[in-house]
């Protein structure tokens, strides 16, 4: 599952999602599998309990379901790599 939000909303969304999944389906989120990425490459407020997984794979770029998200240079490079020749 993926979600996107302004940095100040990430922890709020995580907590709301966790509560809703628990209430509706009895499912608990596994904090050990959570990944939080920040384009700015900075630790997001309220996410310190998730440790090193908060900035994977690094500032400026990430692949989500093999779609490039991040800096213009990263996206362009990834698109060029994927484009059939």
PDB file of N, CA and C in Angstrom:
ATOM      1  N   UNK A   1       0.839  -1.158   0.000  1.00  0.00           N
ATOM      2  CA  UNK A   1       0.000   0.000   0.000  1.00  0.00           C
ATOM      3  C   UNK A   1       0.893   1.232   0.000  1.00  0.00           C
ATOM      4  N   UNK A   2       0.507   2.213  -0.773  1.00  0.00           N
ATOM      5  CA  UNK A   2       1.258   3.452  -0.864  1.00  0.00           C
ATOM      6  C   UNK A   2       0.344   4.615  -0.539  1.00  0.00           C
ATOM      7  N   UNK A   3       0.926   5.655   0.023  1.00  0.00           N
ATOM      8  CA  UNK A   3       0.206   6.896   0.253  1.00  0.00           C
ATOM      9  C   UNK A   3       1.182   8.047   0.056  1.00  0.00           C
ATOM     10  N   UNK A   4       0.661   9.187  -0.271  1.00  0.00           N
ATOM     11  CA  UNK A   4       1.506  10.368  -0.461  1.00  0.00           C
ATOM     12  C   UNK A   4       0.855  11.536   0.258  1.00  0.00           C
ATOM     13  N   UNK A   5       1.702  12.376   0.836  1.00  0.00           N
ATOM     14  CA  UNK A   5       1.185  13.535   1.560  1.00  0.00           C
ATOM     15  C   UNK A   5       2.306  14.531   1.775  1.00  0.00           C
ATOM     16  N   UNK A   6       1.911  15.719   2.171  1.00  0.00           N
ATOM     17  CA  UNK A   6       2.901  16.710   2.590  1.00  0.00           C
ATOM     18  C   UNK A   6       3.621  16.146   3.814  1.00  0.00           C
ATOM     19  N   UNK A   7       4.886  16.504   4.002  1.00  0.00           N
ATOM     20  CA  UNK A   7       5.658  15.934   5.113  1.00  0.00           C
ATOM     21  C   UNK A   7       4.963  16.005   6.472  1.00  0.00           C
ATOM     22  N   UNK A   8       4.291  17.109   6.748  1.00  0.00           N
ATOM     23  CA  UNK A   8       3.651  17.240   8.056  1.00  0.00           C
ATOM     24  C   UNK A   8       2.424  16.339   8.219  1.00  0.00           C
ATOM     25  N   UNK A   9       1.962  15.725   7.146  1.00  0.00           N
ATOM     26  CA  UNK A   9       0.780  14.860   7.222  1.00  0.00           C
ATOM     27  C   UNK A   9       1.071  13.375   7.242  1.00  0.00           C
ATOM     28  N   UNK A  10       2.305  12.981   7.046  1.00  0.00           N
ATOM     29  CA  UNK A  10       2.626  11.561   6.935  1.00  0.00           C
ATOM     30  C   UNK A  10       2.259  10.780   8.192  1.00  0.00           C
ATOM     31  N   UNK A  11       2.669  11.245   9.352  1.00  0.00           N
ATOM     32  CA  UNK A  11       2.380  10.501  10.582  1.00  0.00           C
ATOM     33  C   UNK A  11       0.877  10.456  10.848  1.00  0.00           C
ATOM     34  N   UNK A  12       0.175  11.536  10.543  1.00  0.00           N
ATOM     35  CA  UNK A  12      -1.278  11.574  10.729  1.00  0.00           C
ATOM     36  C   UNK A  12      -1.937  10.521   9.849  1.00  0.00           C
ATOM     37  N   UNK A  13      -1.534  10.458   8.589  1.00  0.00           N
ATOM     38  CA  UNK A  13      -2.101   9.472   7.669  1.00  0.00           C
ATOM     39  C   UNK A  13      -1.783   8.057   8.131  1.00  0.00           C
ATOM     40  N   UNK A  14      -0.548   7.823   8.555  1.00  0.00           N
ATOM     41  CA  UNK A  14      -0.164   6.497   9.043  1.00  0.00           C
ATOM     42  C   UNK A  14      -1.061   6.080  10.213  1.00  0.00           C
ATOM     43  N   UNK A  15      -1.240   6.968  11.177  1.00  0.00           N
ATOM     44  CA  UNK A  15      -2.043   6.649  12.353  1.00  0.00           C
ATOM     45  C   UNK A  15      -3.512   6.420  11.986  1.00  0.00           C
ATOM     46  N   UNK A  16      -4.064   7.238  11.090  1.00  0.00           N
ATOM     47  CA  UNK A  16      -5.453   7.054  10.646  1.00  0.00           C
ATOM     48  C   UNK A  16      -5.633   5.738   9.902  1.00  0.00           C
ATOM     49  N   UNK A  17      -4.682   5.415   9.025  1.00  0.00           N
ATOM     50  CA  UNK A  17      -4.740   4.162   8.281  1.00  0.00           C
ATOM     51  C   UNK A  17      -4.651   2.964   9.223  1.00  0.00           C
ATOM     52  N   UNK A  18      -3.729   3.028  10.181  1.00  0.00           N
ATOM     53  CA  UNK A  18      -3.580   1.935  11.143  1.00  0.00           C
ATOM     54  C   UNK A  18      -4.866   1.730  11.937  1.00  0.00           C
ATOM     55  N   UNK A  19      -5.472   2.806  12.390  1.00  0.00           N
ATOM     56  CA  UNK A  19      -6.706   2.707  13.171  1.00  0.00           C
ATOM     57  C   UNK A  19      -7.852   2.144  12.334  1.00  0.00           C
ATOM     58  N   UNK A  20      -7.984   2.619  11.096  1.00  0.00           N
ATOM     59  CA  UNK A  20      -9.067   2.149  10.230  1.00  0.00           C
ATOM     60  C   UNK A  20      -8.910   0.669   9.880  1.00  0.00           C
ATOM     61  N   UNK A  21      -7.706   0.250   9.547  1.00  0.00           N
ATOM     62  CA  UNK A  21      -7.484  -1.160   9.218  1.00  0.00           C
ATOM     63  C   UNK A  21      -7.759  -2.059  10.425  1.00  0.00           C
ATOM     64  N   UNK A  22      -7.375  -1.608  11.603  1.00  0.00           N
ATOM     65  CA  UNK A  22      -7.628  -2.383  12.809  1.00  0.00           C
ATOM     66  C   UNK A  22      -9.122  -2.483  13.087  1.00  0.00           C
ATOM     67  N   UNK A  23      -9.808  -1.349  12.989  1.00  0.00           N
ATOM     68  CA  UNK A  23     -11.236  -1.314  13.298  1.00  0.00           C
ATOM     69  C   UNK A  23     -12.065  -2.113  12.291  1.00  0.00           C
ATOM     70  N   UNK A  24     -11.791  -1.949  11.017  1.00  0.00           N
ATOM     71  CA  UNK A  24     -12.609  -2.554   9.981  1.00  0.00           C
ATOM     72  C   UNK A  24     -12.244  -4.021   9.721  1.00  0.00           C
ATOM     73  N   UNK A  25     -10.941  -4.315   9.712  1.00  0.00           N
ATOM     74  CA  UNK A  25     -10.519  -5.654   9.305  1.00  0.00           C
ATOM     75  C   UNK A  25      -9.698  -6.412  10.349  1.00  0.00           C
ATOM     76  N   UNK A  26      -9.423  -5.776  11.473  1.00  0.00           N
ATOM     77  CA  UNK A  26      -8.611  -6.440  12.487  1.00  0.00           C
ATOM     78  C   UNK A  26      -7.169  -6.654  12.050  1.00  0.00           C
ATOM     79  N   UNK A  27      -6.684  -5.790  11.157  1.00  0.00           N
ATOM     80  CA  UNK A  27      -5.324  -5.899  10.618  1.00  0.00           C
ATOM     81  C   UNK A  27      -4.440  -4.858  11.291  1.00  0.00           C
ATOM     82  N   UNK A  28      -3.264  -5.281  11.740  1.00  0.00           N
ATOM     83  CA  UNK A  28      -2.301  -4.347  12.313  1.00  0.00           C
ATOM     84  C   UNK A  28      -1.186  -4.100  11.301  1.00  0.00           C
ATOM     85  N   UNK A  29      -0.826  -2.833  11.121  1.00  0.00           N
ATOM     86  CA  UNK A  29       0.294  -2.512  10.251  1.00  0.00           C
ATOM     87  C   UNK A  29       1.579  -3.018  10.892  1.00  0.00           C
ATOM     88  N   UNK A  30       2.479  -3.515  10.073  1.00  0.00           N
ATOM     89  CA  UNK A  30       3.773  -3.992  10.544  1.00  0.00           C
ATOM     90  C   UNK A  30       4.764  -2.849  10.402  1.00  0.00           C
ATOM     91  N   UNK A  31       5.067  -2.176  11.505  1.00  0.00           N
ATOM     92  CA  UNK A  31       5.974  -1.022  11.470  1.00  0.00           C
ATOM     93  C   UNK A  31       7.346  -1.407  10.934  1.00  0.00           C
ATOM     94  N   UNK A  32       7.726  -2.667  11.046  1.00  0.00           N
ATOM     95  CA  UNK A  32       9.014  -3.123  10.535  1.00  0.00           C
ATOM     96  C   UNK A  32       9.096  -3.114   9.017  1.00  0.00           C
ATOM     97  N   UNK A  33       7.960  -3.042   8.348  1.00  0.00           N
ATOM     98  CA  UNK A  33       7.947  -3.023   6.888  1.00  0.00           C
ATOM     99  C   UNK A  33       7.633  -1.645   6.316  1.00  0.00           C
ATOM    100  N   UNK A  34       7.387  -0.680   7.180  1.00  0.00           N
ATOM    101  CA  UNK A  34       7.047   0.673   6.733  1.00  0.00           C
ATOM    102  C   UNK A  34       8.271   1.342   6.123  1.00  0.00           C
ATOM    103  N   UNK A  35       8.053   2.007   4.998  1.00  0.00           N
ATOM    104  CA  UNK A  35       9.092   2.805   4.370  1.00  0.00           C
ATOM    105  C   UNK A  35       8.532   4.208   4.185  1.00  0.00           C
ATOM    106  N   UNK A  36       9.272   5.191   4.603  1.00  0.00           N
ATOM    107  CA  UNK A  36       8.864   6.586   4.433  1.00  0.00           C
ATOM    108  C   UNK A  36       9.984   7.281   3.686  1.00  0.00           C
ATOM    109  N   UNK A  37       9.626   7.921   2.604  1.00  0.00           N
ATOM    110  CA  UNK A  37      10.616   8.587   1.761  1.00  0.00           C
ATOM    111  C   UNK A  37      10.307  10.068   1.709  1.00  0.00           C
ATOM    112  N   UNK A  38      11.328  10.874   1.792  1.00  0.00           N
ATOM    113  CA  UNK A  38      11.195  12.325   1.710  1.00  0.00           C
ATOM    114  C   UNK A  38      12.057  12.829   0.560  1.00  0.00           C
ATOM    115  N   UNK A  39      11.436  13.515  -0.374  1.00  0.00           N
ATOM    116  CA  UNK A  39      12.193  14.056  -1.498  1.00  0.00           C
ATOM    117  C   UNK A  39      13.325  14.960  -1.018  1.00  0.00           C
ATOM    118  N   UNK A  40      13.095  15.644   0.084  1.00  0.00           N
ATOM    119  CA  UNK A  40      14.118  16.528   0.636  1.00  0.00           C
ATOM    120  C   UNK A  40      15.244  15.752   1.312  1.00  0.00           C
ATOM    121  N   UNK A  41      15.033  14.477   1.571  1.00  0.00           N
ATOM    122  CA  UNK A  41      16.067  13.666   2.201  1.00  0.00           C
ATOM    123  C   UNK A  41      16.280  13.981   3.664  1.00  0.00           C
ATOM    124  N   UNK A  42      15.217  14.404   4.330  1.00  0.00           N
ATOM    125  CA  UNK A  42      15.317  14.728   5.746  1.00  0.00           C
ATOM    126  C   UNK A  42      14.374  13.844   6.551  1.00  0.00           C
ATOM    127  N   UNK A  43      14.730  13.621   7.803  1.00  0.00           N
ATOM    128  CA  UNK A  43      13.872  12.846   8.699  1.00  0.00           C
ATOM    129  C   UNK A  43      12.570  13.610   8.917  1.00  0.00           C
ATOM    130  N   UNK A  44      11.441  12.946   8.749  1.00  0.00           N
ATOM    131  CA  UNK A  44      10.151  13.598   8.911  1.00  0.00           C
ATOM    132  C   UNK A  44       9.713  13.573  10.371  1.00  0.00           C
ATOM    133  N   UNK A  45       9.108  14.650  10.815  1.00  0.00           N
ATOM    134  CA  UNK A  45       8.640  14.754  12.198  1.00  0.00           C
ATOM    135  C   UNK A  45       7.668  13.627  12.514  1.00  0.00           C
ATOM    136  N   UNK A  46       7.844  13.024  13.662  1.00  0.00           N
ATOM    137  CA  UNK A  46       6.940  11.980  14.115  1.00  0.00           C
ATOM    138  C   UNK A  46       7.243  10.597  13.588  1.00  0.00           C
ATOM    139  N   UNK A  47       8.242  10.451  12.730  1.00  0.00           N
ATOM    140  CA  UNK A  47       8.546   9.149  12.137  1.00  0.00           C
ATOM    141  C   UNK A  47       9.818   8.544  12.714  1.00  0.00           C
ATOM    142  N   UNK A  48      10.349   9.121  13.791  1.00  0.00           N
ATOM    143  CA  UNK A  48      11.612   8.645  14.342  1.00  0.00           C
ATOM    144  C   UNK A  48      11.545   7.198  14.816  1.00  0.00           C
ATOM    145  N   UNK A  49      10.385   6.669  15.132  1.00  0.00           N
ATOM    146  CA  UNK A  49      10.254   5.275  15.552  1.00  0.00           C
ATOM    147  C   UNK A  49      10.468   4.271  14.436  1.00  0.00           C
ATOM    148  N   UNK A  50      10.578   4.735  13.210  1.00  0.00           N
ATOM    149  CA  UNK A  50      10.749   3.828  12.080  1.00  0.00           C
ATOM    150  C   UNK A  50      12.200   3.721  11.624  1.00  0.00           C
ATOM    151  N   UNK A  51      13.092   4.421  12.294  1.00  0.00           N
ATOM    152  CA  UNK A  51      14.527   4.272  12.076  1.00  0.00           C
ATOM    153  C   UNK A  51      14.994   4.523  10.667  1.00  0.00           C
ATOM    154  N   UNK A  52      15.934   3.684  10.206  1.00  0.00           N
ATOM    155  CA  UNK A  52      16.589   3.888   8.917  1.00  0.00           C
ATOM    156  C   UNK A  52      15.644   3.764   7.741  1.00  0.00           C
ATOM    157  N   UNK A  53      14.501   3.184   7.940  1.00  0.00           N
ATOM    158  CA  UNK A  53      13.571   2.989   6.831  1.00  0.00           C
ATOM    159  C   UNK A  53      12.880   4.287   6.408  1.00  0.00           C
ATOM    160  N   UNK A  54      13.172   5.372   7.061  1.00  0.00           N
ATOM    161  CA  UNK A  54      12.499   6.634   6.747  1.00  0.00           C
ATOM    162  C   UNK A  54      13.115   7.388   5.580  1.00  0.00           C
ATOM    163  N   UNK A  55      14.214   6.949   5.066  1.00  0.00           N
ATOM    164  CA  UNK A  55      14.820   7.688   3.953  1.00  0.00           C
ATOM    165  C   UNK A  55      15.312   6.758   2.852  1.00  0.00           C
ATOM    166  N   UNK A  56      14.642   5.653   2.603  1.00  0.00           N
ATOM    167  CA  UNK A  56      15.110   4.743   1.567  1.00  0.00           C
ATOM    168  C   UNK A  56      14.576   5.166   0.215  1.00  0.00           C
ATOM    169  N   UNK A  57      15.278   4.986  -0.886  1.00  0.00           N
ATOM    170  CA  UNK A  57      16.670   4.580  -0.967  1.00  0.00           C
ATOM    171  C   UNK A  57      17.627   5.747  -0.805  1.00  0.00           C
ATOM    172  N   UNK A  58      17.115   6.952  -0.804  1.00  0.00           N
ATOM    173  CA  UNK A  58      17.970   8.120  -0.621  1.00  0.00           C
ATOM    174  C   UNK A  58      17.248   9.357  -1.082  1.00  0.00           C
ATOM    175  N   UNK A  59      17.769  10.506  -0.727  1.00  0.00           N
ATOM    176  CA  UNK A  59      17.102  11.747  -1.104  1.00  0.00           C
ATOM    177  C   UNK A  59      17.070  11.937  -2.614  1.00  0.00           C
ATOM    178  N   UNK A  60      15.944  12.423  -3.102  1.00  0.00           N
ATOM    179  CA  UNK A  60      15.844  12.786  -4.497  1.00  0.00           C
ATOM    180  C   UNK A  60      15.206  11.769  -5.419  1.00  0.00           C
ATOM    181  N   UNK A  61      15.114  10.483  -4.992  1.00  0.00           N
ATOM    182  CA  UNK A  61      14.588   9.499  -5.934  1.00  0.00           C
ATOM    183  C   UNK A  61      14.070   8.254  -5.237  1.00  0.00           C
ATOM    184  N   UNK A  62      13.031   7.664  -5.855  1.00  0.00           N
ATOM    185  CA  UNK A  62      12.479   6.395  -5.379  1.00  0.00           C
ATOM    186  C   UNK A  62      11.673   5.779  -6.519  1.00  0.00           C
ATOM    187  N   UNK A  63      11.612   4.478  -6.544  1.00  0.00           N
ATOM    188  CA  UNK A  63      10.749   3.770  -7.487  1.00  0.00           C
ATOM    189  C   UNK A  63       9.571   3.206  -6.707  1.00  0.00           C
ATOM    190  N   UNK A  64       8.355   3.497  -7.162  1.00  0.00           N
ATOM    191  CA  UNK A  64       7.144   2.968  -6.554  1.00  0.00           C
ATOM    192  C   UNK A  64       6.442   2.152  -7.620  1.00  0.00           C
ATOM    193  N   UNK A  65       6.358   0.844  -7.395  1.00  0.00           N
ATOM    194  CA  UNK A  65       5.798  -0.065  -8.394  1.00  0.00           C
ATOM    195  C   UNK A  65       6.486   0.147  -9.745  1.00  0.00           C
ATOM    196  N   UNK A  66       7.784   0.339  -9.690  1.00  0.00           N
ATOM    197  CA  UNK A  66       8.675   0.560 -10.825  1.00  0.00           C
ATOM    198  C   UNK A  66       8.440   1.881 -11.557  1.00  0.00           C
ATOM    199  N   UNK A  67       7.669   2.785 -10.951  1.00  0.00           N
ATOM    200  CA  UNK A  67       7.485   4.124 -11.520  1.00  0.00           C
ATOM    201  C   UNK A  67       8.435   5.076 -10.803  1.00  0.00           C
ATOM    202  N   UNK A  68       9.228   5.832 -11.552  1.00  0.00           N
ATOM    203  CA  UNK A  68      10.187   6.751 -10.931  1.00  0.00           C
ATOM    204  C   UNK A  68       9.501   7.983 -10.355  1.00  0.00           C
ATOM    205  N   UNK A  69       9.852   8.316  -9.140  1.00  0.00           N
ATOM    206  CA  UNK A  69       9.334   9.505  -8.475  1.00  0.00           C
ATOM    207  C   UNK A  69      10.521  10.211  -7.847  1.00  0.00           C
ATOM    208  N   UNK A  70      10.614  11.513  -8.049  1.00  0.00           N
ATOM    209  CA  UNK A  70      11.712  12.248  -7.427  1.00  0.00           C
ATOM    210  C   UNK A  70      12.181  13.393  -8.274  1.00  0.00           C
ATOM    211  N   UNK A  71      13.487  13.573  -8.280  1.00  0.00           N
ATOM    212  CA  UNK A  71      14.052  14.697  -9.014  1.00  0.00           C
ATOM    213  C   UNK A  71      13.814  14.538 -10.509  1.00  0.00           C
ATOM    214  N   UNK A  72      13.798  15.644 -11.214  1.00  0.00           N
ATOM    215  CA  UNK A  72      13.597  15.596 -12.658  1.00  0.00           C
ATOM    216  C   UNK A  72      14.670  14.741 -13.336  1.00  0.00           C
ATOM    217  N   UNK A  73      15.904  14.876 -12.885  1.00  0.00           N
ATOM    218  CA  UNK A  73      17.010  14.117 -13.479  1.00  0.00           C
ATOM    219  C   UNK A  73      16.824  12.617 -13.256  1.00  0.00           C
ATOM    220  N   UNK A  74      16.407  12.209 -12.069  1.00  0.00           N
ATOM    221  CA  UNK A  74      16.192  10.797 -11.789  1.00  0.00           C
ATOM    222  C   UNK A  74      15.071  10.236 -12.653  1.00  0.00           C
ATOM    223  N   UNK A  75      13.949  10.961 -12.723  1.00  0.00           N
ATOM    224  CA  UNK A  75      12.811  10.499 -13.516  1.00  0.00           C
ATOM    225  C   UNK A  75      13.208  10.384 -14.984  1.00  0.00           C
ATOM    226  N   UNK A  76      13.872  11.389 -15.522  1.00  0.00           N
ATOM    227  CA  UNK A  76      14.284  11.365 -16.925  1.00  0.00           C
ATOM    228  C   UNK A  76      15.218  10.191 -17.199  1.00  0.00           C
ATOM    229  N   UNK A  77      16.183   9.971 -16.335  1.00  0.00           N
ATOM    230  CA  UNK A  77      17.113   8.861 -16.499  1.00  0.00           C
ATOM    231  C   UNK A  77      16.381   7.529 -16.473  1.00  0.00           C
ATOM    232  N   UNK A  78      15.448   7.377 -15.540  1.00  0.00           N
ATOM    233  CA  UNK A  78      14.695   6.125 -15.420  1.00  0.00           C
ATOM    234  C   UNK A  78      13.811   5.893 -16.643  1.00  0.00           C
ATOM    235  N   UNK A  79      13.164   6.942 -17.123  1.00  0.00           N
ATOM    236  CA  UNK A  79      12.316   6.828 -18.310  1.00  0.00           C
ATOM    237  C   UNK A  79      13.152   6.429 -19.530  1.00  0.00           C
ATOM    238  N   UNK A  80      14.325   7.054 -19.682  1.00  0.00           N
ATOM    239  CA  UNK A  80      15.210   6.702 -20.789  1.00  0.00           C
ATOM    240  C   UNK A  80      15.654   5.248 -20.713  1.00  0.00           C
ATOM    241  N   UNK A  81      15.907   4.763 -19.494  1.00  0.00           N
ATOM    242  CA  UNK A  81      16.331   3.384 -19.296  1.00  0.00           C
ATOM    243  C   UNK A  81      15.219   2.408 -19.656  1.00  0.00           C
ATOM    244  N   UNK A  82      13.987   2.760 -19.353  1.00  0.00           N
ATOM    245  CA  UNK A  82      12.845   1.872 -19.593  1.00  0.00           C
ATOM    246  C   UNK A  82      12.305   1.945 -21.017  1.00  0.00           C
ATOM    247  N   UNK A  83      12.599   3.033 -21.724  1.00  0.00           N
ATOM    248  CA  UNK A  83      12.053   3.237 -23.070  1.00  0.00           C
ATOM    249  C   UNK A  83      12.605   2.183 -24.029  1.00  0.00           C
ATOM    250  N   UNK A  84      11.694   1.505 -24.763  1.00  0.00           N
ATOM    251  CA  UNK A  84      12.166   0.528 -25.759  1.00  0.00           C
ATOM    252  C   UNK A  84      12.982   1.217 -26.848  1.00  0.00           C
ATOM    253  N   UNK A  85      13.987   0.556 -27.279  1.00  0.00           N
ATOM    254  CA  UNK A  85      14.868   1.120 -28.334  1.00  0.00           C
ATOM    255  C   UNK A  85      14.508   0.541 -29.678  1.00  0.00           C
TER     256      UNK A  85
END
